[in-house]
Amino acid sequence: MQPIVKKSLVTAAVTVVIDYTFHYFLTNPMETLTYFVVKFMLSFIIASAMFGSYEYIVKPERRKFTIPISGLVFSTLMSTYYRAWELFEARVPFGSRAPNIIGLVRGTVLFVGAWWFAHASFFIIGVLVANRLISDDKI
């Protein structure tokens, strides 16, 4: 198996495990299986694009920017999917389905920022774990 695929699988798995733990302990209600499957697939796709990108392979000094930007892209795309699902599939009013984060008031900038940065950080941690476990030598 190619190192990019291995790293992307590790990134996706770590992202979903951290996200599941986050939702299990810090949100109410719990997310669905579909949510976690979509999150796994999206994190795999974003990680594959990042690990295979020119910026990541040829310019390793830029990884300190590439990795966080990829995390923010991942979080933004996942949030976009989730909001579209709320409106078009579940047919619920915008914002009324997302789980509450225990201790944060819904509808505030802090809530939105915490949600966005938390999910981006799950992806970033997944990338860092993948980088630690799998060598870049063969990419």
Protein backbone atom coordinates (compact mmCIF):
# COMPACT_ATOMS: atom_id res chain seq x y z
CA MET A 1 0.00 0.00 0.00
CA GLN A 2 1.30 3.45 -0.90
CA PRO A 3 2.47 5.73 1.95
CA ILE A 4 -0.03 8.43 0.95
CA VAL A 5 -2.90 5.94 1.30
CA LYS A 6 -1.55 4.65 4.61
CA LYS A 7 -1.15 8.17 6.00
CA SER A 8 -4.60 9.14 4.77
CA LEU A 9 -6.20 6.08 6.39
CA VAL A 10 -4.45 6.79 9.69
CA THR A 11 -5.47 10.45 9.51
CA ALA A 12 -9.11 9.53 8.83
CA ALA A 13 -9.20 6.89 11.58
CA VAL A 14 -7.65 9.19 14.21
CA THR A 15 -9.91 12.07 13.16
CA VAL A 16 -13.04 9.95 13.58
CA VAL A 17 -11.93 8.38 16.89
CA ILE A 18 -11.22 11.80 18.40
CA ASP A 19 -14.46 13.22 16.99
CA TYR A 20 -16.47 10.26 18.32
CA THR A 21 -14.91 10.76 21.76
CA PHE A 22 -15.68 14.49 21.59
CA HIS A 23 -19.31 13.85 20.71
CA TYR A 24 -19.70 11.06 23.25
CA PHE A 25 -18.50 13.13 26.20
CA LEU A 26 -19.11 16.77 25.25
CA THR A 27 -22.20 17.00 23.04
CA ASN A 28 -25.86 16.16 23.21
CA PRO A 29 -27.44 14.44 21.28
CA MET A 30 -24.91 11.97 19.89
CA GLU A 31 -24.20 12.02 16.16
CA THR A 32 -25.32 9.27 13.78
CA LEU A 33 -23.27 6.54 12.15
CA THR A 34 -23.73 8.26 8.78
CA TYR A 35 -22.11 11.41 10.15
CA PHE A 36 -19.00 9.48 11.20
CA VAL A 37 -18.82 7.56 7.89
CA VAL A 38 -19.00 10.82 5.92
CA LYS A 39 -16.39 12.34 8.24
CA PHE A 40 -14.07 9.37 7.65
CA MET A 41 -14.43 9.58 3.86
CA LEU A 42 -14.00 13.36 3.76
CA SER A 43 -10.95 13.31 6.03
CA PHE A 44 -9.43 10.54 3.88
CA ILE A 45 -10.00 12.57 0.69
CA ILE A 46 -8.63 15.83 2.17
CA ALA A 47 -5.63 14.01 3.69
CA SER A 48 -4.90 12.26 0.37
CA ALA A 49 -4.99 15.59 -1.46
CA MET A 50 -2.75 17.20 1.15
CA PHE A 51 -0.20 14.35 1.38
CA GLY A 52 -0.04 14.19 -2.43
CA SER A 53 0.19 17.94 -2.98
CA TYR A 54 3.20 19.72 -4.41
CA GLU A 55 3.37 21.94 -1.32
CA TYR A 56 3.54 18.93 0.99
CA ILE A 57 5.97 16.79 -1.02
CA VAL A 58 8.39 19.30 -2.56
CA LYS A 59 8.31 22.08 0.03
CA PRO A 60 8.35 20.40 3.47
CA GLU A 61 9.17 23.72 5.14
CA ARG A 62 5.63 24.86 4.24
CA ARG A 63 3.93 21.95 6.03
CA LYS A 64 3.48 24.12 9.12
CA PHE A 65 1.01 26.09 6.99
CA THR A 66 -0.31 23.30 4.74
CA ILE A 67 -1.45 21.07 7.59
CA PRO A 68 -3.52 23.68 9.51
CA ILE A 69 -5.01 25.07 6.29
CA SER A 70 -6.03 21.53 5.29
CA GLY A 71 -7.61 21.09 8.72
CA LEU A 72 -9.63 24.28 8.28
CA VAL A 73 -10.68 23.20 4.77
CA PHE A 74 -11.76 19.82 6.18
CA SER A 75 -13.78 21.45 8.97
CA THR A 76 -15.39 23.91 6.56
CA LEU A 77 -16.39 21.22 4.07
CA MET A 78 -17.73 18.97 6.82
CA SER A 79 -19.76 21.84 8.26
CA THR A 80 -21.08 22.69 4.79
CA TYR A 81 -22.15 19.08 4.25
CA TYR A 82 -23.77 18.98 7.67
CA ARG A 83 -25.74 22.20 7.15
CA ALA A 84 -26.86 21.06 3.70
CA TRP A 85 -27.98 17.76 5.21
CA GLU A 86 -29.94 19.63 7.88
CA LEU A 87 -31.76 21.80 5.38
CA PHE A 88 -32.32 19.49 2.42
CA GLU A 89 -32.38 15.94 3.78
CA ALA A 90 -33.62 16.20 7.37
CA ARG A 91 -35.77 19.26 6.60
CA VAL A 92 -35.12 20.86 9.94
CA PRO A 93 -34.72 24.59 10.51
CA PHE A 94 -31.16 25.80 10.04
CA GLY A 95 -29.11 25.30 13.20
CA SER A 96 -31.71 23.41 15.18
CA ARG A 97 -30.25 19.92 14.67
CA ALA A 98 -26.57 20.36 15.50
CA PRO A 99 -25.71 18.93 18.91
CA ASN A 100 -25.09 21.27 21.78
CA ILE A 101 -21.57 21.50 23.17
CA ILE A 102 -21.90 21.08 26.91
CA GLY A 103 -20.92 24.36 28.59
CA LEU A 104 -21.26 26.64 25.53
CA VAL A 105 -24.30 28.68 24.59
CA ARG A 106 -25.61 27.81 21.12
CA GLY A 107 -25.87 30.62 18.61
CA THR A 108 -22.83 32.56 19.78
CA VAL A 109 -19.62 33.25 17.88
CA LEU A 110 -17.78 31.27 20.57
CA PHE A 111 -19.94 28.21 19.85
CA VAL A 112 -19.37 28.40 16.08
CA GLY A 113 -15.64 29.07 16.51
CA ALA A 114 -15.24 26.25 19.04
CA TRP A 115 -17.04 23.84 16.71
CA TRP A 116 -14.98 24.84 13.67
CA PHE A 117 -11.59 24.85 15.40
CA ALA A 118 -12.29 21.68 17.40
CA HIS A 119 -13.09 19.70 14.26
CA ALA A 120 -10.11 21.19 12.39
CA SER A 121 -7.86 20.22 15.29
CA PHE A 122 -9.11 16.61 15.18
CA PHE A 123 -7.93 16.43 11.56
CA ILE A 124 -4.61 18.15 12.36
CA ILE A 125 -3.96 15.69 15.19
CA GLY A 126 -4.74 12.84 12.78
CA VAL A 127 -2.17 14.19 10.31
CA LEU A 128 0.45 14.57 13.04
CA VAL A 129 -0.13 11.00 14.24
CA ALA A 130 0.09 9.70 10.65
CA ASN A 131 3.33 11.62 10.13
CA ARG A 132 4.75 10.15 13.31
CA LEU A 133 3.79 6.59 12.42
CA ILE A 134 4.57 6.51 8.69
CA SER A 135 7.76 7.73 7.06
CA ASP A 136 7.82 10.30 4.25
CA ASP A 137 10.77 8.58 2.60
CA LYS A 138 8.67 6.81 -0.01
CA ILE A 139 6.37 9.69 -0.94
